[in-house]
Every structure is written in structure tokens, then in C-alpha cells.
Amino acid sequence: MTPAEQMLIAAADLNAKVATAQRSGEAITVPPAAVSELAHLLEVCGRAVAQAGAIHSTRNPALAEYAHDIARTYLGELPR
């Protein structure tokens, strides 16, 4: 299995857990390692944007934009 396939399967699994939890009104448990990885992604993208001066000046603006959207959502600037 390729790394891309593993990531897609993990994303689909997490999305399914979230959808089930939303329907039932229950919380989901996310492994601390997953939270750590997401935080690392936000940190790496944030540093890249800070060094480049703008999202579109980074090597991967799509990833930086996505990380920015995640950060804004969880800081309450975007509706969830």
C-alpha cells in the first residue's frame, strides 16, 4: 500500500467516525498521535508561510492554504 493510499484510508476512517459521532451526539476519541501530527502540519505550514511572506509564495500553497483553513476553523474564525 502506498503512503497516499494509507493517508486516504485514514482520512476516510476519521471522517466516518466523525459522521457517526455527529449523528449520535457522542464524542469521538482521536489518538494523541493524530492530534500531534495535525499540530505538526500546522506548525510546518505556518513557518513556511512566515518565511515566504505569503501563502502563495510557499512551495506548496495549496497545502499552506488548507492548513490555514484548519487553523482558522479551530480558532473560531470560520463556521464549523
PDB file of N, CA and C in Angstrom:
ATOM      1  N   MET A   1       0.844  -1.171   0.000  1.00  0.00           N
ATOM      2  CA  MET A   1       0.000   0.000   0.000  1.00  0.00           C
ATOM      3  C   MET A   1       0.898   1.246   0.000  1.00  0.00           C
ATOM      4  N   THR A   2       0.533   2.209  -0.829  1.00  0.00           N
ATOM      5  CA  THR A   2       1.340   3.423  -0.927  1.00  0.00           C
ATOM      6  C   THR A   2       1.020   4.377   0.233  1.00  0.00           C
ATOM      7  N   PRO A   3       1.918   5.330   0.515  1.00  0.00           N
ATOM      8  CA  PRO A   3       1.620   6.315   1.555  1.00  0.00           C
ATOM      9  C   PRO A   3       0.340   7.097   1.265  1.00  0.00           C
ATOM     10  N   ALA A   4       0.102   7.411   0.000  1.00  0.00           N
ATOM     11  CA  ALA A   4      -1.116   8.140  -0.357  1.00  0.00           C
ATOM     12  C   ALA A   4      -2.362   7.317  -0.026  1.00  0.00           C
ATOM     13  N   GLU A   5      -2.311   6.026  -0.331  1.00  0.00           N
ATOM     14  CA  GLU A   5      -3.451   5.157  -0.012  1.00  0.00           C
ATOM     15  C   GLU A   5      -3.671   5.074   1.499  1.00  0.00           C
ATOM     16  N   GLN A   6      -2.582   4.988   2.256  1.00  0.00           N
ATOM     17  CA  GLN A   6      -2.708   4.934   3.708  1.00  0.00           C
ATOM     18  C   GLN A   6      -3.343   6.212   4.257  1.00  0.00           C
ATOM     19  N   MET A   7      -2.909   7.362   3.733  1.00  0.00           N
ATOM     20  CA  MET A   7      -3.490   8.633   4.192  1.00  0.00           C
ATOM     21  C   MET A   7      -4.963   8.736   3.832  1.00  0.00           C
ATOM     22  N   LEU A   8      -5.315   8.308   2.621  1.00  0.00           N
ATOM     23  CA  LEU A   8      -6.713   8.379   2.206  1.00  0.00           C
ATOM     24  C   LEU A   8      -7.599   7.457   3.044  1.00  0.00           C
ATOM     25  N   ILE A   9      -7.092   6.283   3.354  1.00  0.00           N
ATOM     26  CA  ILE A   9      -7.851   5.346   4.196  1.00  0.00           C
ATOM     27  C   ILE A   9      -8.015   5.921   5.604  1.00  0.00           C
ATOM     28  N   ALA A  10      -6.937   6.486   6.157  1.00  0.00           N
ATOM     29  CA  ALA A  10      -7.015   7.084   7.495  1.00  0.00           C
ATOM     30  C   ALA A  10      -8.000   8.243   7.513  1.00  0.00           C
ATOM     31  N   ALA A  11      -7.979   9.073   6.473  1.00  0.00           N
ATOM     32  CA  ALA A  11      -8.907  10.204   6.397  1.00  0.00           C
ATOM     33  C   ALA A  11     -10.347   9.723   6.296  1.00  0.00           C
ATOM     34  N   ALA A  12     -10.577   8.718   5.471  1.00  0.00           N
ATOM     35  CA  ALA A  12     -11.929   8.175   5.326  1.00  0.00           C
ATOM     36  C   ALA A  12     -12.417   7.579   6.646  1.00  0.00           C
ATOM     37  N   ASP A  13     -11.537   6.881   7.359  1.00  0.00           N
ATOM     38  CA  ASP A  13     -11.898   6.295   8.648  1.00  0.00           C
ATOM     39  C   ASP A  13     -12.257   7.375   9.654  1.00  0.00           C
ATOM     40  N   LEU A  14     -11.428   8.421   9.732  1.00  0.00           N
ATOM     41  CA  LEU A  14     -11.708   9.503  10.674  1.00  0.00           C
ATOM     42  C   LEU A  14     -12.991  10.229  10.301  1.00  0.00           C
ATOM     43  N   ASN A  15     -13.210  10.474   9.013  1.00  0.00           N
ATOM     44  CA  ASN A  15     -14.455  11.128   8.574  1.00  0.00           C
ATOM     45  C   ASN A  15     -15.675  10.283   8.918  1.00  0.00           C
ATOM     46  N   ALA A  16     -15.564   8.971   8.770  1.00  0.00           N
ATOM     47  CA  ALA A  16     -16.680   8.082   9.122  1.00  0.00           C
ATOM     48  C   ALA A  16     -16.969   8.142  10.617  1.00  0.00           C
ATOM     49  N   LYS A  17     -15.911   8.156  11.434  1.00  0.00           N
ATOM     50  CA  LYS A  17     -16.099   8.260  12.888  1.00  0.00           C
ATOM     51  C   LYS A  17     -16.762   9.578  13.266  1.00  0.00           C
ATOM     52  N   VAL A  18     -16.347  10.654  12.624  1.00  0.00           N
ATOM     53  CA  VAL A  18     -16.934  11.964  12.899  1.00  0.00           C
ATOM     54  C   VAL A  18     -18.415  11.977  12.510  1.00  0.00           C
ATOM     55  N   ALA A  19     -18.732  11.442  11.342  1.00  0.00           N
ATOM     56  CA  ALA A  19     -20.127  11.422  10.884  1.00  0.00           C
ATOM     57  C   ALA A  19     -21.000  10.605  11.841  1.00  0.00           C
ATOM     58  N   THR A  20     -20.500   9.465  12.289  1.00  0.00           N
ATOM     59  CA  THR A  20     -21.243   8.635  13.233  1.00  0.00           C
ATOM     60  C   THR A  20     -21.444   9.377  14.551  1.00  0.00           C
ATOM     61  N   ALA A  21     -20.406  10.039  15.017  1.00  0.00           N
ATOM     62  CA  ALA A  21     -20.487  10.782  16.276  1.00  0.00           C
ATOM     63  C   ALA A  21     -21.465  11.947  16.169  1.00  0.00           C
ATOM     64  N   GLN A  22     -21.471  12.619  15.030  1.00  0.00           N
ATOM     65  CA  GLN A  22     -22.402  13.731  14.847  1.00  0.00           C
ATOM     66  C   GLN A  22     -23.848  13.251  14.863  1.00  0.00           C
ATOM     67  N   ARG A  23     -24.095  12.108  14.242  1.00  0.00           N
ATOM     68  CA  ARG A  23     -25.463  11.573  14.223  1.00  0.00           C
ATOM     69  C   ARG A  23     -25.912  11.142  15.613  1.00  0.00           C
ATOM     70  N   SER A  24     -25.003  10.557  16.378  1.00  0.00           N
ATOM     71  CA  SER A  24     -25.366  10.034  17.696  1.00  0.00           C
ATOM     72  C   SER A  24     -25.208  11.062  18.807  1.00  0.00           C
ATOM     73  N   GLY A  25     -24.541  12.171  18.507  1.00  0.00           N
ATOM     74  CA  GLY A  25     -24.322  13.190  19.524  1.00  0.00           C
ATOM     75  C   GLY A  25     -23.220  12.836  20.506  1.00  0.00           C
ATOM     76  N   GLU A  26     -22.442  11.829  20.190  1.00  0.00           N
ATOM     77  CA  GLU A  26     -21.352  11.408  21.069  1.00  0.00           C
ATOM     78  C   GLU A  26     -20.028  11.996  20.599  1.00  0.00           C
ATOM     79  N   ALA A  27     -19.094  12.043  21.516  1.00  0.00           N
ATOM     80  CA  ALA A  27     -17.745  12.499  21.182  1.00  0.00           C
ATOM     81  C   ALA A  27     -16.957  11.353  20.569  1.00  0.00           C
ATOM     82  N   ILE A  28     -15.939  11.703  19.801  1.00  0.00           N
ATOM     83  CA  ILE A  28     -15.058  10.670  19.271  1.00  0.00           C
ATOM     84  C   ILE A  28     -13.708  10.794  19.960  1.00  0.00           C
ATOM     85  N   THR A  29     -13.006   9.702  19.979  1.00  0.00           N
ATOM     86  CA  THR A  29     -11.665   9.689  20.542  1.00  0.00           C
ATOM     87  C   THR A  29     -10.667   9.724  19.394  1.00  0.00           C
ATOM     88  N   VAL A  30      -9.811  10.716  19.425  1.00  0.00           N
ATOM     89  CA  VAL A  30      -8.759  10.825  18.421  1.00  0.00           C
ATOM     90  C   VAL A  30      -7.448  10.516  19.121  1.00  0.00           C
ATOM     91  N   PRO A  31      -6.679   9.595  18.581  1.00  0.00           N
ATOM     92  CA  PRO A  31      -5.405   9.256  19.212  1.00  0.00           C
ATOM     93  C   PRO A  31      -4.508  10.488  19.340  1.00  0.00           C
ATOM     94  N   PRO A  32      -3.822  10.624  20.465  1.00  0.00           N
ATOM     95  CA  PRO A  32      -2.924  11.770  20.641  1.00  0.00           C
ATOM     96  C   PRO A  32      -1.914  11.910  19.501  1.00  0.00           C
ATOM     97  N   ALA A  33      -1.471  10.809  18.935  1.00  0.00           N
ATOM     98  CA  ALA A  33      -0.515  10.869  17.830  1.00  0.00           C
ATOM     99  C   ALA A  33      -1.116  11.584  16.616  1.00  0.00           C
ATOM    100  N   ALA A  34      -2.408  11.391  16.378  1.00  0.00           N
ATOM    101  CA  ALA A  34      -3.055  12.058  15.246  1.00  0.00           C
ATOM    102  C   ALA A  34      -3.132  13.560  15.490  1.00  0.00           C
ATOM    103  N   VAL A  35      -3.464  13.941  16.710  1.00  0.00           N
ATOM    104  CA  VAL A  35      -3.518  15.363  17.057  1.00  0.00           C
ATOM    105  C   VAL A  35      -2.125  15.978  16.917  1.00  0.00           C
ATOM    106  N   SER A  36      -1.117  15.256  17.361  1.00  0.00           N
ATOM    107  CA  SER A  36       0.259  15.720  17.258  1.00  0.00           C
ATOM    108  C   SER A  36       0.669  15.924  15.806  1.00  0.00           C
ATOM    109  N   GLU A  37       0.283  15.000  14.944  1.00  0.00           N
ATOM    110  CA  GLU A  37       0.621  15.118  13.521  1.00  0.00           C
ATOM    111  C   GLU A  37      -0.058  16.324  12.890  1.00  0.00           C
ATOM    112  N   LEU A  38      -1.332  16.548  13.232  1.00  0.00           N
ATOM    113  CA  LEU A  38      -2.035  17.717  12.698  1.00  0.00           C
ATOM    114  C   LEU A  38      -1.396  19.007  13.191  1.00  0.00           C
ATOM    115  N   ALA A  39      -1.021  19.042  14.477  1.00  0.00           N
ATOM    116  CA  ALA A  39      -0.357  20.222  15.020  1.00  0.00           C
ATOM    117  C   ALA A  39       0.977  20.457  14.315  1.00  0.00           C
ATOM    118  N   HIS A  40       1.700  19.372  14.026  1.00  0.00           N
ATOM    119  CA  HIS A  40       2.971  19.488  13.317  1.00  0.00           C
ATOM    120  C   HIS A  40       2.749  20.060  11.913  1.00  0.00           C
ATOM    121  N   LEU A  41       1.716  19.593  11.231  1.00  0.00           N
ATOM    122  CA  LEU A  41       1.396  20.107   9.901  1.00  0.00           C
ATOM    123  C   LEU A  41       1.125  21.607   9.964  1.00  0.00           C
ATOM    124  N   LEU A  42       0.330  22.035  10.940  1.00  0.00           N
ATOM    125  CA  LEU A  42       0.025  23.458  11.075  1.00  0.00           C
ATOM    126  C   LEU A  42       1.287  24.260  11.363  1.00  0.00           C
ATOM    127  N   GLU A  43       2.156  23.724  12.214  1.00  0.00           N
ATOM    128  CA  GLU A  43       3.392  24.421  12.547  1.00  0.00           C
ATOM    129  C   GLU A  43       4.311  24.550  11.332  1.00  0.00           C
ATOM    130  N   VAL A  44       4.487  23.448  10.601  1.00  0.00           N
ATOM    131  CA  VAL A  44       5.358  23.461   9.419  1.00  0.00           C
ATOM    132  C   VAL A  44       4.826  24.440   8.377  1.00  0.00           C
ATOM    133  N   CYS A  45       3.528  24.380   8.131  1.00  0.00           N
ATOM    134  CA  CYS A  45       2.940  25.290   7.143  1.00  0.00           C
ATOM    135  C   CYS A  45       3.003  26.737   7.619  1.00  0.00           C
ATOM    136  N   GLY A  46       2.773  26.945   8.905  1.00  0.00           N
ATOM    137  CA  GLY A  46       2.855  28.304   9.443  1.00  0.00           C
ATOM    138  C   GLY A  46       4.253  28.881   9.305  1.00  0.00           C
ATOM    139  N   ARG A  47       5.259  28.071   9.591  1.00  0.00           N
ATOM    140  CA  ARG A  47       6.649  28.535   9.446  1.00  0.00           C
ATOM    141  C   ARG A  47       6.976  28.827   7.982  1.00  0.00           C
ATOM    142  N   ALA A  48       6.497  27.973   7.079  1.00  0.00           N
ATOM    143  CA  ALA A  48       6.762  28.174   5.649  1.00  0.00           C
ATOM    144  C   ALA A  48       6.138  29.478   5.170  1.00  0.00           C
ATOM    145  N   VAL A  49       4.925  29.757   5.623  1.00  0.00           N
ATOM    146  CA  VAL A  49       4.251  30.997   5.229  1.00  0.00           C
ATOM    147  C   VAL A  49       4.984  32.199   5.831  1.00  0.00           C
ATOM    148  N   ALA A  50       5.407  32.089   7.089  1.00  0.00           N
ATOM    149  CA  ALA A  50       6.131  33.192   7.721  1.00  0.00           C
ATOM    150  C   ALA A  50       7.436  33.480   6.973  1.00  0.00           C
ATOM    151  N   GLN A  51       8.150  32.439   6.576  1.00  0.00           N
ATOM    152  CA  GLN A  51       9.417  32.628   5.864  1.00  0.00           C
ATOM    153  C   GLN A  51       9.194  33.176   4.459  1.00  0.00           C
ATOM    154  N   ALA A  52       8.149  32.705   3.799  1.00  0.00           N
ATOM    155  CA  ALA A  52       7.886  33.138   2.422  1.00  0.00           C
ATOM    156  C   ALA A  52       7.230  34.510   2.376  1.00  0.00           C
ATOM    157  N   GLY A  53       6.530  34.859   3.433  1.00  0.00           N
ATOM    158  CA  GLY A  53       5.861  36.154   3.469  1.00  0.00           C
ATOM    159  C   GLY A  53       4.416  36.123   3.019  1.00  0.00           C
ATOM    160  N   ALA A  54       3.993  35.045   2.390  1.00  0.00           N
ATOM    161  CA  ALA A  54       2.607  34.915   1.939  1.00  0.00           C
ATOM    162  C   ALA A  54       2.347  33.461   1.569  1.00  0.00           C
ATOM    163  N   ILE A  55       1.100  33.054   1.681  1.00  0.00           N
ATOM    164  CA  ILE A  55       0.753  31.666   1.371  1.00  0.00           C
ATOM    165  C   ILE A  55       1.148  31.305  -0.054  1.00  0.00           C
ATOM    166  N   HIS A  56       0.865  32.193  -1.010  1.00  0.00           N
ATOM    167  CA  HIS A  56       1.122  31.850  -2.414  1.00  0.00           C
ATOM    168  C   HIS A  56       2.596  31.935  -2.788  1.00  0.00           C
ATOM    169  N   SER A  57       3.430  32.363  -1.854  1.00  0.00           N
ATOM    170  CA  SER A  57       4.873  32.382  -2.101  1.00  0.00           C
ATOM    171  C   SER A  57       5.561  31.120  -1.589  1.00  0.00           C
ATOM    172  N   THR A  58       4.806  30.224  -0.975  1.00  0.00           N
ATOM    173  CA  THR A  58       5.387  28.983  -0.463  1.00  0.00           C
ATOM    174  C   THR A  58       5.551  27.983  -1.596  1.00  0.00           C
ATOM    175  N   ARG A  59       6.274  26.908  -1.301  1.00  0.00           N
ATOM    176  CA  ARG A  59       6.463  25.856  -2.314  1.00  0.00           C
ATOM    177  C   ARG A  59       5.180  25.103  -2.594  1.00  0.00           C
ATOM    178  N   ASN A  60       4.299  25.036  -1.600  1.00  0.00           N
ATOM    179  CA  ASN A  60       3.055  24.283  -1.748  1.00  0.00           C
ATOM    180  C   ASN A  60       1.892  25.116  -1.211  1.00  0.00           C
ATOM    181  N   PRO A  61       1.449  26.111  -1.991  1.00  0.00           N
ATOM    182  CA  PRO A  61       0.403  26.995  -1.487  1.00  0.00           C
ATOM    183  C   PRO A  61      -0.915  26.283  -1.173  1.00  0.00           C
ATOM    184  N   ALA A  62      -1.233  25.222  -1.881  1.00  0.00           N
ATOM    185  CA  ALA A  62      -2.490  24.516  -1.603  1.00  0.00           C
ATOM    186  C   ALA A  62      -2.460  23.909  -0.201  1.00  0.00           C
ATOM    187  N   LEU A  63      -1.333  23.294   0.171  1.00  0.00           N
ATOM    188  CA  LEU A  63      -1.211  22.710   1.498  1.00  0.00           C
ATOM    189  C   LEU A  63      -1.222  23.796   2.567  1.00  0.00           C
ATOM    190  N   ALA A  64      -0.513  24.899   2.309  1.00  0.00           N
ATOM    191  CA  ALA A  64      -0.485  26.005   3.271  1.00  0.00           C
ATOM    192  C   ALA A  64      -1.867  26.614   3.430  1.00  0.00           C
ATOM    193  N   GLU A  65      -2.612  26.747   2.343  1.00  0.00           N
ATOM    194  CA  GLU A  65      -3.977  27.279   2.411  1.00  0.00           C
ATOM    195  C   GLU A  65      -4.877  26.358   3.226  1.00  0.00           C
ATOM    196  N   TYR A  66      -4.737  25.072   3.004  1.00  0.00           N
ATOM    197  CA  TYR A  66      -5.549  24.102   3.737  1.00  0.00           C
ATOM    198  C   TYR A  66      -5.221  24.155   5.227  1.00  0.00           C
ATOM    199  N   ALA A  67      -3.942  24.211   5.558  1.00  0.00           N
ATOM    200  CA  ALA A  67      -3.540  24.301   6.961  1.00  0.00           C
ATOM    201  C   ALA A  67      -4.083  25.583   7.580  1.00  0.00           C
ATOM    202  N   HIS A  68      -4.061  26.662   6.817  1.00  0.00           N
ATOM    203  CA  HIS A  68      -4.595  27.941   7.300  1.00  0.00           C
ATOM    204  C   HIS A  68      -6.094  27.825   7.576  1.00  0.00           C
ATOM    205  N   ASP A  69      -6.822  27.164   6.685  1.00  0.00           N
ATOM    206  CA  ASP A  69      -8.265  26.960   6.897  1.00  0.00           C
ATOM    207  C   ASP A  69      -8.531  26.139   8.155  1.00  0.00           C
ATOM    208  N   ILE A  70      -7.721  25.097   8.376  1.00  0.00           N
ATOM    209  CA  ILE A  70      -7.873  24.283   9.587  1.00  0.00           C
ATOM    210  C   ILE A  70      -7.644  25.146  10.816  1.00  0.00           C
ATOM    211  N   ALA A  71      -6.567  25.923  10.797  1.00  0.00           N
ATOM    212  CA  ALA A  71      -6.247  26.772  11.945  1.00  0.00           C
ATOM    213  C   ALA A  71      -7.361  27.784  12.204  1.00  0.00           C
ATOM    214  N   ARG A  72      -7.855  28.427  11.161  1.00  0.00           N
ATOM    215  CA  ARG A  72      -8.919  29.424  11.336  1.00  0.00           C
ATOM    216  C   ARG A  72     -10.192  28.777  11.877  1.00  0.00           C
ATOM    217  N   THR A  73     -10.510  27.603  11.381  1.00  0.00           N
ATOM    218  CA  THR A  73     -11.713  26.914  11.852  1.00  0.00           C
ATOM    219  C   THR A  73     -11.629  26.644  13.352  1.00  0.00           C
ATOM    220  N   TYR A  74     -10.486  26.140  13.796  1.00  0.00           N
ATOM    221  CA  TYR A  74     -10.368  25.779  15.203  1.00  0.00           C
ATOM    222  C   TYR A  74     -10.025  26.948  16.104  1.00  0.00           C
ATOM    223  N   LEU A  75      -9.741  28.116  15.509  1.00  0.00           N
ATOM    224  CA  LEU A  75      -9.591  29.329  16.311  1.00  0.00           C
ATOM    225  C   LEU A  75     -10.912  30.094  16.346  1.00  0.00           C
ATOM    226  N   GLY A  76     -11.932  29.572  15.648  1.00  0.00           N
ATOM    227  CA  GLY A  76     -13.263  30.167  15.701  1.00  0.00           C
ATOM    228  C   GLY A  76     -13.520  31.251  14.686  1.00  0.00           C
ATOM    229  N   GLU A  77     -12.650  31.451  13.713  1.00  0.00           N
ATOM    230  CA  GLU A  77     -12.870  32.494  12.724  1.00  0.00           C
ATOM    231  C   GLU A  77     -13.759  32.053  11.569  1.00  0.00           C
ATOM    232  N   LEU A  78     -13.913  30.749  11.398  1.00  0.00           N
ATOM    233  CA  LEU A  78     -14.783  30.224  10.355  1.00  0.00           C
ATOM    234  C   LEU A  78     -15.875  29.387  11.009  1.00  0.00           C
ATOM    235  N   PRO A  79     -17.060  29.359  10.400  1.00  0.00           N
ATOM    236  CA  PRO A  79     -18.095  28.468  10.964  1.00  0.00           C
ATOM    237  C   PRO A  79     -17.689  27.022  10.834  1.00  0.00           C
ATOM    238  N   ARG A  80     -18.048  26.231  11.823  1.00  0.00           N
ATOM    239  CA  ARG A  80     -17.708  24.808  11.790  1.00  0.00           C
ATOM    240  C   ARG A  80     -18.791  24.024  11.128  1.00  0.00           C
TER     241      ARG A  80
END
